[in-house]
C-alpha atoms as a PDB file:
ATOM      1  CA  MET A   1     -49.107  -3.905   9.381  1.00  0.00           C
ATOM      2  CA  PRO A   2     -50.053  -7.491  10.336  1.00  0.00           C
ATOM      3  CA  ARG A   3     -50.350  -8.027  14.098  1.00  0.00           C
ATOM      4  CA  HIS A   4     -50.812 -11.071  16.271  1.00  0.00           C
ATOM      5  CA  ILE A   5     -54.192 -11.288  17.999  1.00  0.00           C
ATOM      6  CA  ALA A   6     -52.547 -12.206  21.307  1.00  0.00           C
ATOM      7  CA  ILE A   7     -49.048 -11.110  22.242  1.00  0.00           C
ATOM      8  CA  GLN A   8     -47.622 -13.446  24.854  1.00  0.00           C
ATOM      9  CA  GLN A   9     -44.952 -12.387  27.295  1.00  0.00           C
ATOM     10  CA  GLY A  10     -41.573 -13.933  26.515  1.00  0.00           C
ATOM     11  CA  GLN A  11     -42.340 -14.359  22.793  1.00  0.00           C
ATOM     12  CA  LEU A  12     -40.844 -12.376  19.907  1.00  0.00           C
ATOM     13  CA  TYR A  13     -42.940 -12.144  16.747  1.00  0.00           C
ATOM     14  CA  PRO A  14     -41.114 -11.247  13.493  1.00  0.00           C
ATOM     15  CA  GLN A  15     -43.460  -9.536  11.070  1.00  0.00           C
ATOM     16  CA  PRO A  16     -43.643 -10.967   7.518  1.00  0.00           C
ATOM     17  CA  ASN A  17     -42.715  -7.767   5.648  1.00  0.00           C
ATOM     18  CA  TYR A  18     -39.224  -6.281   5.580  1.00  0.00           C
ATOM     19  CA  SER A  19     -37.153  -4.035   3.290  1.00  0.00           C
ATOM     20  CA  LEU A  20     -33.877  -5.084   1.672  1.00  0.00           C
ATOM     21  CA  ALA A  21     -31.273  -3.141  -0.353  1.00  0.00           C
ATOM     22  CA  VAL A  22     -27.741  -3.553  -1.686  1.00  0.00           C
ATOM     23  CA  ASP A  23     -25.305  -0.849  -2.847  1.00  0.00           C
ATOM     24  CA  ASN A  24     -22.539  -0.852  -5.461  1.00  0.00           C
ATOM     25  CA  GLU A  25     -19.917  -1.827  -2.885  1.00  0.00           C
ATOM     26  CA  GLY A  26     -21.806  -4.990  -1.960  1.00  0.00           C
ATOM     27  CA  LYS A  27     -23.205  -3.837   1.374  1.00  0.00           C
ATOM     28  CA  TRP A  28     -26.669  -5.216   2.117  1.00  0.00           C
ATOM     29  CA  THR A  29     -29.082  -3.419   4.451  1.00  0.00           C
ATOM     30  CA  ALA A  30     -32.489  -4.447   5.738  1.00  0.00           C
ATOM     31  CA  THR A  31     -35.172  -3.250   8.126  1.00  0.00           C
ATOM     32  CA  GLN A  32     -37.235  -5.819  10.041  1.00  0.00           C
ATOM     33  CA  VAL A  33     -40.059  -5.214  12.525  1.00  0.00           C
ATOM     34  CA  PHE A  34     -40.767  -7.480  15.507  1.00  0.00           C
ATOM     35  CA  LEU A  35     -43.571  -7.419  18.065  1.00  0.00           C
ATOM     36  CA  CYS A  36     -43.453  -8.482  21.692  1.00  0.00           C
ATOM     37  CA  HIS A  37     -45.179  -7.741  25.004  1.00  0.00           C
ATOM     38  CA  ARG A  38     -44.027  -4.515  26.626  1.00  0.00           C
ATOM     39  CA  ASN A  39     -42.763  -6.411  29.667  1.00  0.00           C
ATOM     40  CA  SER A  40     -40.399  -8.430  27.449  1.00  0.00           C
ATOM     41  CA  ILE A  41     -38.673  -5.598  25.559  1.00  0.00           C
ATOM     42  CA  THR A  42     -35.343  -5.634  27.369  1.00  0.00           C
ATOM     43  CA  LYS A  43     -35.164  -9.409  27.324  1.00  0.00           C
ATOM     44  CA  LEU A  44     -36.189 -10.035  23.710  1.00  0.00           C
ATOM     45  CA  MET A  45     -35.011  -6.943  21.808  1.00  0.00           C
ATOM     46  CA  PRO A  46     -32.378  -8.209  19.279  1.00  0.00           C
ATOM     47  CA  ARG A  47     -28.899  -6.991  20.145  1.00  0.00           C
ATOM     48  CA  PRO A  48     -26.327  -5.702  17.635  1.00  0.00           C
ATOM     49  CA  GLY A  49     -24.719  -8.660  15.898  1.00  0.00           C
ATOM     50  CA  THR A  50     -27.868 -10.803  15.927  1.00  0.00           C
ATOM     51  CA  ALA A  51     -28.393 -12.466  12.545  1.00  0.00           C
ATOM     52  CA  HIS A  52     -31.451 -11.710  10.439  1.00  0.00           C
ATOM     53  CA  PRO A  53     -34.095 -14.477  10.716  1.00  0.00           C
ATOM     54  CA  GLU A  54     -33.936 -15.220   6.971  1.00  0.00           C
ATOM     55  CA  ILE A  55     -30.639 -13.735   5.662  1.00  0.00           C
ATOM     56  CA  SER A  56     -27.732 -15.148   7.610  1.00  0.00           C
ATOM     57  CA  PHE A  57     -24.943 -12.823   6.383  1.00  0.00           C
ATOM     58  CA  ILE A  58     -26.574  -9.622   7.668  1.00  0.00           C
ATOM     59  CA  SER A  59     -26.900  -8.787  11.357  1.00  0.00           C
ATOM     60  CA  VAL A  60     -28.390  -6.105  13.581  1.00  0.00           C
ATOM     61  CA  ASP A  61     -26.570  -2.788  13.480  1.00  0.00           C
ATOM     62  CA  ASN A  62     -29.025  -0.932  15.716  1.00  0.00           C
ATOM     63  CA  ALA A  63     -32.564  -1.369  17.048  1.00  0.00           C
ATOM     64  CA  THR A  64     -35.297   0.862  18.475  1.00  0.00           C
ATOM     65  CA  ALA A  65     -38.562   0.056  20.258  1.00  0.00           C
ATOM     66  CA  GLN A  66     -41.852   1.844  20.655  1.00  0.00           C
ATOM     67  CA  VAL A  67     -44.687   0.803  22.972  1.00  0.00           C
ATOM     68  CA  THR A  68     -48.159   1.067  21.438  1.00  0.00           C
ATOM     69  CA  GLU A  69     -51.690   0.382  22.631  1.00  0.00           C
ATOM     70  CA  GLY A  70     -52.545  -2.990  24.104  1.00  0.00           C
ATOM     71  CA  ASP A  71     -49.156  -3.411  25.839  1.00  0.00           C
ATOM     72  CA  ILE A  72     -47.518  -4.155  22.475  1.00  0.00           C
ATOM     73  CA  ALA A  73     -43.897  -3.216  21.847  1.00  0.00           C
ATOM     74  CA  GLU A  74     -42.913  -2.641  18.228  1.00  0.00           C
ATOM     75  CA  ILE A  75     -39.185  -3.217  17.671  1.00  0.00           C
ATOM     76  CA  THR A  76     -37.494  -1.955  14.503  1.00  0.00           C
ATOM     77  CA  CYS A  77     -34.136  -3.555  13.683  1.00  0.00           C
ATOM     78  CA  ASN A  78     -31.740  -2.161  11.103  1.00  0.00           C
ATOM     79  CA  TYR A  79     -29.447  -4.800   9.631  1.00  0.00           C
ATOM     80  CA  ALA A  80     -26.247  -4.575   7.594  1.00  0.00           C
ATOM     81  CA  GLY A  81     -23.815  -7.079   6.147  1.00  0.00           C
ATOM     82  CA  THR A  82     -22.144  -8.366   3.019  1.00  0.00           C
ATOM     83  CA  ASP A  83     -21.658 -11.608   1.138  1.00  0.00           C
ATOM     84  CA  ASN A  84     -18.285 -10.349  -0.124  1.00  0.00           C
ATOM     85  CA  ALA A  85     -15.753 -12.545   1.686  1.00  0.00           C
ATOM     86  CA  ASP A  86     -12.779 -11.273  -0.343  1.00  0.00           C
ATOM     87  CA  ASN A  87     -11.935  -8.076  -2.195  1.00  0.00           C
ATOM     88  CA  ASP A  88     -14.149  -8.492  -5.236  1.00  0.00           C
ATOM     89  CA  PRO A  89     -13.023  -5.851  -7.811  1.00  0.00           C
ATOM     90  CA  LYS A  90     -16.637  -5.499  -8.930  1.00  0.00           C
ATOM     91  CA  LYS A  91     -17.599  -4.429  -5.411  1.00  0.00           C
ATOM     92  CA  THR A  92     -14.737  -1.993  -4.868  1.00  0.00           C
ATOM     93  CA  THR A  93     -14.862   1.727  -5.576  1.00  0.00           C
ATOM     94  CA  TYR A  94     -11.919   4.023  -6.328  1.00  0.00           C
ATOM     95  CA  THR A  95     -11.700   7.799  -6.038  1.00  0.00           C
ATOM     96  CA  LEU A  96      -9.048  10.151  -7.389  1.00  0.00           C
ATOM     97  CA  GLY A  97      -8.566  13.362  -5.427  1.00  0.00           C
ATOM     98  CA  LEU A  98      -6.880  16.478  -6.809  1.00  0.00           C
ATOM     99  CA  SER A  99      -6.020  19.420  -4.583  1.00  0.00           C
ATOM    100  CA  LEU A 100      -3.431  22.119  -3.921  1.00  0.00           C
ATOM    101  CA  SER A 101      -1.135  22.462  -0.932  1.00  0.00           C
ATOM    102  CA  GLU A 102       1.026  25.420   0.075  1.00  0.00           C
ATOM    103  CA  GLU A 103       4.765  24.717  -0.128  1.00  0.00           C
ATOM    104  CA  PRO A 104       7.884  26.872   0.521  1.00  0.00           C
ATOM    105  CA  LEU A 105       8.889  28.849  -2.557  1.00  0.00           C
ATOM    106  CA  LEU A 106      12.473  27.563  -2.555  1.00  0.00           C
ATOM    107  CA  SER A 107      11.247  23.949  -2.745  1.00  0.00           C
ATOM    108  CA  HIS A 108       9.862  24.608  -6.244  1.00  0.00           C
ATOM    109  CA  LYS A 109      11.605  22.631  -8.985  1.00  0.00           C
ATOM    110  CA  LYS A 110      12.787  25.849 -10.668  1.00  0.00           C
ATOM    111  CA  PHE A 111      15.023  26.629  -7.686  1.00  0.00           C
ATOM    112  CA  LYS A 112      16.479  23.153  -7.176  1.00  0.00           C
ATOM    113  CA  THR A 113      19.804  24.155  -8.774  1.00  0.00           C
ATOM    114  CA  LEU A 114      20.451  27.127  -6.501  1.00  0.00           C
ATOM    115  CA  ALA A 115      23.791  27.036  -4.687  1.00  0.00           C
ATOM    116  CA  LYS A 116      23.618  26.107  -1.012  1.00  0.00           C
ATOM    117  CA  GLU A 117      24.960  29.499   0.091  1.00  0.00           C
ATOM    118  CA  GLU A 118      22.243  31.317  -1.873  1.00  0.00           C
ATOM    119  CA  VAL A 119      19.521  29.055  -0.500  1.00  0.00           C
ATOM    120  CA  GLU A 120      20.678  29.723   3.067  1.00  0.00           C
ATOM    121  CA  ALA A 121      20.765  33.465   2.408  1.00  0.00           C
ATOM    122  CA  LEU A 122      17.290  33.457   0.878  1.00  0.00           C
ATOM    123  CA  GLN A 123      15.928  31.391   3.753  1.00  0.00           C
ATOM    124  CA  ALA A 124      17.369  33.898   6.199  1.00  0.00           C
ATOM    125  CA  ILE A 125      15.711  36.750   4.287  1.00  0.00           C
ATOM    126  CA  VAL A 126      12.380  34.890   4.386  1.00  0.00           C
ATOM    127  CA  SER A 127      12.752  34.609   8.181  1.00  0.00           C
ATOM    128  CA  GLY A 128      13.195  38.382   8.420  1.00  0.00           C
ATOM    129  CA  LYS A 129      16.978  38.654   8.786  1.00  0.00           C
ATOM    130  CA  ASP A 130      19.060  41.237   6.920  1.00  0.00           C
ATOM    131  CA  ALA A 131      22.643  40.281   7.810  1.00  0.00           C
ATOM    132  CA  ASP A 132      24.652  37.412   9.253  1.00  0.00           C
ATOM    133  CA  SER A 133      26.591  37.426  12.540  1.00  0.00           C
ATOM    134  CA  SER A 134      29.497  39.259  10.907  1.00  0.00           C
ATOM    135  CA  GLY A 135      27.239  41.982   9.540  1.00  0.00           C
ATOM    136  CA  ALA A 136      27.403  40.825   5.921  1.00  0.00           C
ATOM    137  CA  SER A 137      24.188  41.467   4.001  1.00  0.00           C
ATOM    138  CA  TYR A 138      22.285  38.352   2.975  1.00  0.00           C
ATOM    139  CA  LYS A 139      21.109  40.099  -0.197  1.00  0.00           C
ATOM    140  CA  ASP A 140      24.728  40.518  -1.317  1.00  0.00           C
ATOM    141  CA  LYS A 141      25.152  36.737  -1.150  1.00  0.00           C
ATOM    142  CA  VAL A 142      22.458  36.234  -3.797  1.00  0.00           C
ATOM    143  CA  THR A 143      24.405  36.704  -7.035  1.00  0.00           C
ATOM    144  CA  SER A 144      23.031  34.307  -9.665  1.00  0.00           C
ATOM    145  CA  ASP A 145      20.219  35.235 -12.042  1.00  0.00           C
ATOM    146  CA  LEU A 146      18.101  32.418 -10.612  1.00  0.00           C
ATOM    147  CA  GLY A 147      18.813  33.544  -7.062  1.00  0.00           C
ATOM    148  CA  LYS A 148      17.895  37.135  -7.915  1.00  0.00           C
ATOM    149  CA  LYS A 149      14.641  35.913  -9.452  1.00  0.00           C
ATOM    150  CA  ALA A 150      13.816  34.121  -6.197  1.00  0.00           C
ATOM    151  CA  LEU A 151      14.839  37.188  -4.178  1.00  0.00           C
ATOM    152  CA  GLU A 152      12.545  39.389  -6.283  1.00  0.00           C
ATOM    153  CA  LYS A 153       9.601  37.127  -5.516  1.00  0.00           C
ATOM    154  CA  ILE A 154      10.437  37.000  -1.808  1.00  0.00           C
ATOM    155  CA  GLN A 155      10.742  40.792  -1.593  1.00  0.00           C
ATOM    156  CA  ARG A 156       7.259  41.199  -3.016  1.00  0.00           C
ATOM    157  CA  GLY A 157       5.919  38.820  -0.391  1.00  0.00           C
ATOM    158  CA  GLN A 158       5.741  35.593  -2.372  1.00  0.00           C
ATOM    159  CA  THR A 159       7.374  33.087  -0.013  1.00  0.00           C
ATOM    160  CA  SER A 160       5.312  30.029  -0.969  1.00  0.00           C
ATOM    161  CA  TYR A 161       3.519  28.469  -3.903  1.00  0.00           C
ATOM    162  CA  TYR A 162       0.639  26.054  -4.467  1.00  0.00           C
ATOM    163  CA  SER A 163       1.664  22.544  -5.444  1.00  0.00           C
ATOM    164  CA  PRO A 164      -0.806  20.039  -6.946  1.00  0.00           C
ATOM    165  CA  LYS A 165      -1.409  16.962  -4.781  1.00  0.00           C
ATOM    166  CA  LEU A 166      -2.989  13.670  -5.818  1.00  0.00           C
ATOM    167  CA  THR A 167      -4.724  11.169  -3.554  1.00  0.00           C
ATOM    168  CA  TRP A 168      -6.008   7.724  -4.512  1.00  0.00           C
ATOM    169  CA  ARG A 169      -8.713   6.122  -2.377  1.00  0.00           C
ATOM    170  CA  GLN A 170     -10.080   2.594  -2.341  1.00  0.00           C
ATOM    171  CA  ALA A 171     -13.263   1.537  -0.529  1.00  0.00           C
ATOM    172  CA  THR A 172     -14.524  -2.022  -0.213  1.00  0.00           C
ATOM    173  CA  VAL A 173     -17.143  -3.724   1.944  1.00  0.00           C
ATOM    174  CA  ARG A 174     -16.361  -7.220   3.174  1.00  0.00           C
ATOM    175  CA  LYS A 175     -16.974  -9.698   5.979  1.00  0.00           C
ATOM    176  CA  SER A 176     -13.538  -9.402   7.584  1.00  0.00           C
ATOM    177  CA  SER A 177     -11.901  -6.469   9.335  1.00  0.00           C
ATOM    178  CA  ALA A 178      -8.730  -4.702   8.214  1.00  0.00           C
ATOM    179  CA  ALA A 179      -5.653  -6.916   8.260  1.00  0.00           C
ATOM    180  CA  SER A 180      -2.742  -6.143  10.573  1.00  0.00           C
ATOM    181  CA  SER A 181      -0.524  -5.959   7.478  1.00  0.00           C
ATOM    182  CA  ASP A 182      -2.553  -2.932   6.326  1.00  0.00           C
ATOM    183  CA  VAL A 183      -1.799  -1.133   9.575  1.00  0.00           C
ATOM    184  CA  ARG A 184       1.919  -1.933   9.399  1.00  0.00           C
ATOM    185  CA  LYS A 185       2.129  -0.476   5.882  1.00  0.00           C
ATOM    186  CA  ILE A 186       0.796   2.972   6.862  1.00  0.00           C
ATOM    187  CA  GLY A 187       3.480   5.571   6.198  1.00  0.00           C
ATOM    188  CA  GLN A 188       5.332   3.342   3.761  1.00  0.00           C
ATOM    189  CA  ILE A 189       5.834   3.382  -0.006  1.00  0.00           C
ATOM    190  CA  ASP A 190       3.152   1.162  -1.493  1.00  0.00           C
ATOM    191  CA  ASN A 191       1.533   0.176  -4.790  1.00  0.00           C
ATOM    192  CA  PRO A 192      -2.189   1.015  -4.709  1.00  0.00           C
ATOM    193  CA  ASP A 193      -4.852  -1.338  -6.000  1.00  0.00           C
ATOM    194  CA  GLY A 194      -6.933  -0.378  -9.010  1.00  0.00           C
ATOM    195  CA  ARG A 195      -6.111   1.695 -12.059  1.00  0.00           C
ATOM    196  CA  GLN A 196      -4.471   4.664 -10.383  1.00  0.00           C
ATOM    197  CA  PRO A 197      -2.894   7.315 -12.652  1.00  0.00           C
ATOM    198  CA  ASN A 198       0.746   6.887 -13.636  1.00  0.00           C
ATOM    199  CA  LEU A 199       2.981   9.410 -11.900  1.00  0.00           C
ATOM    200  CA  PRO A 200       5.628  11.294 -13.925  1.00  0.00           C
ATOM    201  CA  ASP A 201       9.290  11.734 -13.092  1.00  0.00           C
ATOM    202  CA  ASP A 202       9.720   8.555 -11.012  1.00  0.00           C
ATOM    203  CA  GLY A 203       6.906   9.486  -8.651  1.00  0.00           C
ATOM    204  CA  ASN A 204       5.375   6.856  -6.384  1.00  0.00           C
ATOM    205  CA  TRP A 205       2.688   6.404  -3.722  1.00  0.00           C
ATOM    206  CA  LEU A 206       2.636   6.424   0.079  1.00  0.00           C
ATOM    207  CA  LEU A 207      -0.084   4.643   2.076  1.00  0.00           C
ATOM    208  CA  ASN A 208      -1.491   7.503   4.124  1.00  0.00           C
ATOM    209  CA  SER A 209      -4.377   5.939   6.051  1.00  0.00           C
ATOM    210  CA  VAL A 210      -6.587   2.888   6.574  1.00  0.00           C
ATOM    211  CA  THR A 211     -10.067   3.478   7.984  1.00  0.00           C
ATOM    212  CA  GLN A 212     -12.478   0.796   9.145  1.00  0.00           C
ATOM    213  CA  THR A 213     -16.201   1.278   9.774  1.00  0.00           C
ATOM    214  CA  GLN A 214     -18.402  -1.583  10.957  1.00  0.00           C
ATOM    215  CA  GLU A 215     -22.135  -1.772  10.299  1.00  0.00           C
ATOM    216  CA  GLY A 216     -23.762  -4.999  11.433  1.00  0.00           C
ATOM    217  CA  GLY A 217     -21.906  -7.833   9.727  1.00  0.00           C
ATOM    218  CA  ALA A 218     -20.190  -5.553   7.187  1.00  0.00           C
ATOM    219  CA  TYR A 219     -16.773  -3.905   7.443  1.00  0.00           C
ATOM    220  CA  ARG A 220     -16.102  -0.949   5.172  1.00  0.00           C
ATOM    221  CA  ILE A 221     -12.345  -0.638   4.632  1.00  0.00           C
ATOM    222  CA  GLU A 222     -11.021   2.605   3.150  1.00  0.00           C
ATOM    223  CA  ARG A 223      -7.396   3.075   2.103  1.00  0.00           C
ATOM    224  CA  GLU A 224      -5.816   6.323   0.967  1.00  0.00           C
ATOM    225  CA  TRP A 225      -2.524   6.806  -0.855  1.00  0.00           C
ATOM    226  CA  ILE A 226      -0.823  10.152  -1.540  1.00  0.00           C
ATOM    227  CA  ALA A 227       1.389  10.797  -4.546  1.00  0.00           C
ATOM    228  CA  SER A 228       4.963  11.991  -4.185  1.00  0.00           C
ATOM    229  CA  ASP A 229       6.618  14.928  -5.862  1.00  0.00           C
ATOM    230  CA  ARG A 230       9.215  14.337  -8.583  1.00  0.00           C
ATOM    231  CA  GLY A 231      11.738  11.665  -7.689  1.00  0.00           C
ATOM    232  CA  GLY A 232       9.428   9.749  -5.371  1.00  0.00           C
ATOM    233  CA  TRP A 233       9.210   9.362  -1.613  1.00  0.00           C
ATOM    234  CA  ASP A 234      12.550   8.960   0.179  1.00  0.00           C
ATOM    235  CA  SER A 235      13.024   5.187   0.409  1.00  0.00           C
ATOM    236  CA  ASP A 236      15.435   5.609   3.349  1.00  0.00           C
ATOM    237  CA  ILE A 237      12.597   7.086   5.391  1.00  0.00           C
ATOM    238  CA  TYR A 238       9.438   5.545   3.994  1.00  0.00           C
ATOM    239  CA  ASN A 239      10.471   1.895   3.781  1.00  0.00           C
ATOM    240  CA  ASP A 240      11.120  -0.700   6.480  1.00  0.00           C
END
């Protein structure tokens, strides 16, 4: 590595060689080495946010220093940043997540037409009750073929089922932080960006989270939407 013959106190010497990389989201990273006198480390060591000496849109994310022979301090700065001022679709990644979640058996679409009295009786049986306050058996209140089918499953211990869940995630790296409008929309029905899958049976999407991570001059913004069941999210609850 090239070194100055004389390292003067109070002087910071950027070395000519550095590494530079860019990823598919448009985040640039670089590593630059500086030399200075050991007595000047705390004064001259570049702080986070300091721009790179040659590439203005990346800045220091973190820096470390090591003192070597001859009272020389070798400072290694790791830079990060982006030249993506807006949400460039070419620098945005999307991820579709598929998983299963455990749901109450009686919430399954096959039992949606059960009479209210049968649903209440079956729910009581699930909770471990045999009879109501008057002594009437809850099992006797389950009279329909569909109700008896549900009762059969409950009696064999099947009180829940696995429901498929979809998540849609967007990640982009840009110069600006997350907008306040993003935060206000969390927990509301929303239309995701990108080519998300079409949901059947009037399903829609709910903005579940917005995550921001800063590295140097780059902000990585991640949004996640979760798909509804049939009929969509309740607009009375999940809208302003």
